[in-house]
N, C-alpha and C. Protein backbone atom coordinates (compact mmCIF):
# COMPACT_ATOMS: atom_id res chain seq x y z
N UNK A 1 -18.35 141.63 16.50
CA UNK A 1 -17.16 142.39 17.74
C UNK A 1 -17.48 140.46 18.24
N UNK A 2 -16.12 140.32 18.32
CA UNK A 2 -15.85 138.62 19.15
C UNK A 2 -16.03 138.89 20.34
N UNK A 3 -16.25 137.70 20.98
CA UNK A 3 -16.41 137.50 22.50
C UNK A 3 -15.02 137.07 22.20
N UNK A 4 -14.21 137.38 23.92
CA UNK A 4 -13.19 137.54 24.64
C UNK A 4 -13.08 135.84 24.69
N UNK A 5 -11.67 135.72 24.00
CA UNK A 5 -11.10 134.40 23.87
C UNK A 5 -10.29 133.61 25.40
N UNK A 6 -10.62 132.57 26.33
CA UNK A 6 -10.24 132.11 27.40
C UNK A 6 -8.97 132.84 27.71
N UNK A 7 -8.20 133.34 26.42
CA UNK A 7 -6.77 133.36 26.92
C UNK A 7 -6.64 135.22 27.35
N UNK A 8 -7.47 135.90 27.22
CA UNK A 8 -7.41 137.41 27.08
C UNK A 8 -7.78 137.76 28.59
N UNK A 9 -8.61 136.90 29.04
CA UNK A 9 -8.61 137.06 30.75
C UNK A 9 -8.04 136.74 31.09
N UNK A 10 -7.45 137.34 32.56
CA UNK A 10 -6.49 137.26 33.43
C UNK A 10 -6.79 136.15 34.48
N UNK A 11 -5.85 134.84 34.22
CA UNK A 11 -6.06 134.17 35.19
C UNK A 11 -5.92 134.33 37.03
N UNK A 12 -6.78 133.89 37.68
CA UNK A 12 -6.81 133.96 39.09
C UNK A 12 -6.57 132.87 39.50
N UNK A 13 -5.76 132.66 40.06
CA UNK A 13 -5.41 131.55 41.47
C UNK A 13 -5.21 131.67 42.84
N UNK A 14 -5.36 131.04 43.16
CA UNK A 14 -5.61 131.48 44.57
C UNK A 14 -3.57 131.19 45.11
N UNK A 15 -2.63 131.47 45.35
CA UNK A 15 -1.52 131.74 46.14
C UNK A 15 -1.24 130.47 46.77
N UNK A 16 0.33 129.88 46.48
CA UNK A 16 0.28 129.07 47.72
C UNK A 16 1.12 129.60 48.50
N UNK A 17 1.32 128.69 50.11
CA UNK A 17 1.92 129.48 50.93
C UNK A 17 3.11 129.16 51.20
N UNK A 18 4.37 129.58 50.99
CA UNK A 18 5.46 129.16 50.59
C UNK A 18 6.20 129.10 51.68
N UNK A 19 7.04 128.59 51.98
CA UNK A 19 7.80 127.92 52.95
C UNK A 19 8.45 129.07 54.23
N UNK A 20 8.66 130.05 53.77
CA UNK A 20 8.57 131.23 54.99
C UNK A 20 7.30 131.94 55.62
N UNK A 21 6.26 131.67 54.46
CA UNK A 21 4.80 132.07 55.57
C UNK A 21 4.84 130.69 56.57
N UNK A 22 5.08 129.67 56.31
CA UNK A 22 4.80 128.27 56.97
C UNK A 22 5.76 128.64 58.37
N UNK A 23 7.21 128.59 58.00
CA UNK A 23 7.62 128.84 59.07
C UNK A 23 7.44 130.11 60.13
N UNK A 24 6.98 131.04 59.55
CA UNK A 24 6.68 132.11 60.49
C UNK A 24 5.38 132.04 61.20
N UNK A 25 4.50 131.06 60.27
CA UNK A 25 3.69 130.89 61.25
C UNK A 25 3.37 129.68 62.32
N UNK A 26 4.33 128.82 62.07
CA UNK A 26 4.99 128.05 63.13
C UNK A 26 5.55 128.75 64.32
N UNK A 27 6.47 129.97 63.76
CA UNK A 27 7.14 130.14 65.02
C UNK A 27 6.76 131.36 65.92
N UNK A 28 4.79 131.52 65.35
CA UNK A 28 3.99 132.27 66.16
C UNK A 28 3.36 131.66 66.90
N UNK A 29 2.99 130.49 66.34
CA UNK A 29 3.00 129.21 67.17
C UNK A 29 3.24 128.92 68.70
N UNK A 30 4.96 128.46 68.15
CA UNK A 30 5.77 127.93 69.40
C UNK A 30 5.84 129.28 70.15
N UNK A 31 5.99 130.52 70.14
CA UNK A 31 5.60 131.61 71.27
C UNK A 31 4.36 131.89 72.51
N UNK A 32 2.92 131.50 71.50
CA UNK A 32 2.30 131.78 71.91
C UNK A 32 1.96 130.28 73.21
N UNK A 33 2.25 129.36 72.49
CA UNK A 33 2.83 127.97 73.34
C UNK A 33 3.45 127.90 74.37
N UNK A 34 4.32 128.67 74.18
CA UNK A 34 5.54 128.84 75.16
C UNK A 34 5.06 129.50 76.34
N UNK A 35 4.52 130.88 76.40
CA UNK A 35 3.92 131.64 76.76
C UNK A 35 2.72 130.58 77.61
N UNK A 36 2.00 129.76 77.27
CA UNK A 36 0.97 128.98 77.63
C UNK A 36 1.31 128.72 78.61
N UNK A 37 2.86 128.02 78.78
CA UNK A 37 3.20 127.04 79.37
C UNK A 37 4.22 128.01 80.41
N UNK A 38 4.82 128.94 80.22
CA UNK A 38 5.26 129.61 81.29
C UNK A 38 4.28 130.80 82.56
N UNK A 39 2.31 130.86 81.91
CA UNK A 39 1.83 131.19 82.45
C UNK A 39 1.22 129.87 83.73
N UNK A 40 1.14 129.25 83.09
CA UNK A 40 1.07 127.69 83.81
C UNK A 40 2.00 127.67 84.79
N UNK A 41 3.31 127.66 84.32
CA UNK A 41 4.67 127.41 85.49
C UNK A 41 4.20 128.00 87.13
N UNK A 42 3.85 129.23 86.02
CA UNK A 42 4.24 130.36 87.47
C UNK A 42 2.96 130.20 88.33
N UNK A 43 1.62 129.63 87.61
CA UNK A 43 0.81 129.61 88.84
C UNK A 43 0.81 128.22 89.62
N UNK A 44 1.68 126.99 88.76
CA UNK A 44 1.83 126.24 89.66
C UNK A 44 2.85 126.09 90.65
N UNK A 45 3.60 126.42 90.58
CA UNK A 45 4.75 126.56 91.29
C UNK A 45 4.58 127.61 92.40
N UNK A 46 3.78 128.53 91.93
CA UNK A 46 3.44 129.81 93.00
C UNK A 46 4.24 130.62 93.36
N UNK A 47 4.99 130.90 91.57
CA UNK A 47 6.25 132.42 92.20
C UNK A 47 4.82 133.68 92.55
N UNK A 48 4.08 133.58 91.80
CA UNK A 48 3.19 134.65 91.94
C UNK A 48 2.50 134.81 92.73
N UNK A 49 2.38 133.86 94.28
CA UNK A 49 1.49 133.64 94.99
C UNK A 49 2.60 134.28 96.63
N UNK A 50 2.06 134.70 97.16
CA UNK A 50 2.80 134.94 98.64
C UNK A 50 3.51 133.99 99.27
N UNK A 51 3.86 134.36 100.58
CA UNK A 51 4.59 133.36 101.08
C UNK A 51 3.68 133.62 102.43
N UNK A 52 2.62 132.92 102.95
CA UNK A 52 1.94 132.55 103.84
C UNK A 52 2.19 132.07 105.02
N UNK A 53 3.49 131.46 104.88
CA UNK A 53 4.42 131.10 106.39
C UNK A 53 4.79 132.06 106.87
N UNK A 54 5.56 133.35 105.82
CA UNK A 54 6.51 134.63 106.32
C UNK A 54 5.60 135.60 107.21
N UNK A 55 4.27 135.24 106.02
CA UNK A 55 3.02 136.30 106.47
C UNK A 55 2.68 136.04 108.01
N UNK A 56 2.60 134.84 108.21
CA UNK A 56 1.75 134.53 110.22
C UNK A 56 3.28 134.43 110.78
N UNK A 57 4.50 134.36 110.11
CA UNK A 57 5.60 134.54 111.29
C UNK A 57 5.63 135.99 111.72
N UNK A 58 5.85 136.91 110.30
CA UNK A 58 5.83 138.35 111.03
C UNK A 58 4.63 138.56 111.66
N UNK A 59 3.44 138.41 111.40
CA UNK A 59 2.36 138.38 112.07
C UNK A 59 2.63 138.21 114.04
N UNK A 60 3.36 137.03 113.84
CA UNK A 60 3.33 136.62 115.02
C UNK A 60 4.34 137.24 116.04
N UNK A 61 4.88 138.07 115.40
CA UNK A 61 6.13 139.19 115.48
C UNK A 61 5.32 140.43 116.25
N UNK A 62 4.30 141.32 115.14
CA UNK A 62 3.81 141.85 115.52
C UNK A 62 2.91 141.82 116.85
N UNK A 63 2.15 140.47 116.55
CA UNK A 63 1.13 140.57 118.17
C UNK A 63 2.04 140.33 119.40
N UNK A 64 2.87 139.75 119.41
CA UNK A 64 3.75 139.48 120.17
C UNK A 64 4.28 141.25 121.43
N UNK A 65 4.37 142.11 120.16
CA UNK A 65 4.72 143.29 120.58
C UNK A 65 3.44 144.25 121.64
N UNK A 66 2.24 143.86 120.28
CA UNK A 66 1.83 144.42 120.01
C UNK A 66 -0.32 143.42 120.57
N UNK A 67 -0.38 142.83 121.13
CA UNK A 67 -1.66 141.54 121.40
C UNK A 67 -2.67 142.86 121.06
N UNK A 68 -3.16 144.19 121.50
CA UNK A 68 -4.29 144.04 120.82
C UNK A 68 -4.54 144.82 119.29
N UNK A 69 -3.60 144.61 118.55
CA UNK A 69 -3.52 144.95 117.27
C UNK A 69 -4.61 143.70 116.34
N UNK A 70 -6.04 144.21 116.00
CA UNK A 70 -6.55 143.40 115.61
C UNK A 70 -6.54 143.30 114.30
N UNK A 71 -6.12 144.25 113.23
CA UNK A 71 -5.69 143.81 111.79
C UNK A 71 -4.36 142.78 111.89
N UNK A 72 -3.44 142.55 112.63
CA UNK A 72 -2.40 141.50 112.91
C UNK A 72 -2.85 139.92 112.71
N UNK A 73 -4.08 140.35 113.99
CA UNK A 73 -4.65 138.85 114.15
C UNK A 73 -5.17 138.03 112.42
N UNK A 74 -6.46 139.55 111.72
CA UNK A 74 -7.23 139.00 110.85
C UNK A 74 -5.65 138.80 109.91
N UNK A 75 -5.28 139.45 109.57
CA UNK A 75 -3.69 138.83 108.49
C UNK A 75 -3.57 137.45 108.66
N UNK A 76 -3.39 137.13 109.86
CA UNK A 76 -2.63 135.49 110.08
C UNK A 76 -3.53 134.73 109.81
N UNK A 77 -4.82 135.64 110.26
CA UNK A 77 -6.11 134.31 110.17
C UNK A 77 -5.93 133.96 108.40
N UNK A 78 -6.27 135.54 107.34
CA UNK A 78 -5.80 134.61 106.42
C UNK A 78 -4.76 133.99 105.99
N UNK A 79 -3.42 134.39 106.34
CA UNK A 79 -2.45 133.13 106.32
C UNK A 79 -2.62 131.99 106.72
N UNK A 80 -3.35 131.64 107.97
CA UNK A 80 -3.66 130.59 108.20
C UNK A 80 -4.65 129.68 107.46
N UNK A 81 -5.60 130.32 106.77
CA UNK A 81 -6.82 129.89 106.00
C UNK A 81 -5.71 130.05 104.70
N UNK A 82 -4.81 130.61 104.24
CA UNK A 82 -4.30 129.96 102.44
C UNK A 82 -3.53 128.70 102.95
N UNK A 83 -2.90 128.61 104.13
CA UNK A 83 -2.07 127.33 104.57
C UNK A 83 -2.60 126.00 104.62
N UNK A 84 -4.18 126.42 104.81
CA UNK A 84 -4.99 125.30 104.93
C UNK A 84 -5.67 124.13 106.60
N UNK A 85 -4.67 125.96 107.32
CA UNK A 85 -5.15 125.48 109.11
C UNK A 85 -6.08 126.44 109.28
N UNK A 86 -6.95 125.31 109.14
CA UNK A 86 -8.66 126.50 109.29
C UNK A 86 -8.89 126.49 110.59
N UNK A 87 -8.73 125.97 110.99
CA UNK A 87 -9.08 125.96 113.46
C UNK A 87 -7.75 127.15 113.68
N UNK A 88 -6.66 127.29 113.15
CA UNK A 88 -6.07 128.42 113.41
C UNK A 88 -6.49 129.59 113.24
N UNK A 89 -6.93 129.63 112.09
CA UNK A 89 -7.67 130.66 111.43
C UNK A 89 -8.71 131.16 111.57
N UNK A 90 -9.74 130.51 112.33
CA UNK A 90 -10.95 130.47 113.08
C UNK A 90 -10.57 131.39 114.20
N UNK A 91 -9.84 131.01 114.87
CA UNK A 91 -9.20 131.34 115.78
C UNK A 91 -8.97 132.89 115.67
N UNK A 92 -7.97 133.27 115.34
CA UNK A 92 -7.45 134.44 114.59
C UNK A 92 -8.41 135.64 114.17
N UNK A 93 -9.22 135.10 113.63
CA UNK A 93 -10.78 136.37 112.78
C UNK A 93 -11.43 136.32 114.21
N UNK A 94 -11.87 134.99 115.23
CA UNK A 94 -12.65 135.14 116.47
C UNK A 94 -11.43 136.29 116.88
N UNK A 95 -10.15 136.50 117.30
CA UNK A 95 -9.69 137.39 118.06
C UNK A 95 -9.96 138.45 117.66
N UNK A 96 -9.56 138.70 115.80
CA UNK A 96 -9.52 140.03 115.54
C UNK A 96 -11.20 140.59 115.70
N UNK A 97 -12.30 139.82 115.41
CA UNK A 97 -13.47 140.31 115.94
C UNK A 97 -13.60 140.89 117.10
N UNK A 98 -13.10 139.99 118.18
CA UNK A 98 -13.46 140.10 119.05
C UNK A 98 -12.48 141.61 120.00
N UNK A 99 -11.60 141.95 119.12
CA UNK A 99 -10.55 143.41 119.15
C UNK A 99 -11.49 144.59 118.13
N UNK A 100 -12.40 144.10 117.66
CA UNK A 100 -13.24 145.64 117.12
C UNK A 100 -13.23 145.44 115.55
N UNK A 101 -12.31 144.08 114.84
CA UNK A 101 -11.45 144.49 113.73
C UNK A 101 -12.74 144.47 112.46
N UNK A 102 -13.26 145.06 111.49
CA UNK A 102 -14.43 144.81 111.02
C UNK A 102 -14.13 144.65 109.54
N UNK A 103 -13.85 143.70 108.74
CA UNK A 103 -13.47 143.48 107.45
C UNK A 103 -14.54 144.23 106.61
N UNK A 104 -13.16 144.78 105.51
CA UNK A 104 -13.49 146.13 104.36
C UNK A 104 -14.27 145.61 103.30
């Protein structure tokens, strides 16, 4: 019996990526990068964040009508803290505690 010749054995070689595969991978990469930029844009410009000035204004209205409503002081304090007005926030937190508000 003769040993098999090199022409009898199947030749395997790594297939090359064709143009469509490369374009598909580039498209997928572009979608991923686009999603990342959209996420960062939403975070940077605050589209997903509350309008803390409007929250504080609404709490002002509530407190004017009901000056003993502790939760309104607490929420306004949170709004002030988010806006960087630490002194006003501390005053509202103290008033909420004075009126009996307990943080949950």
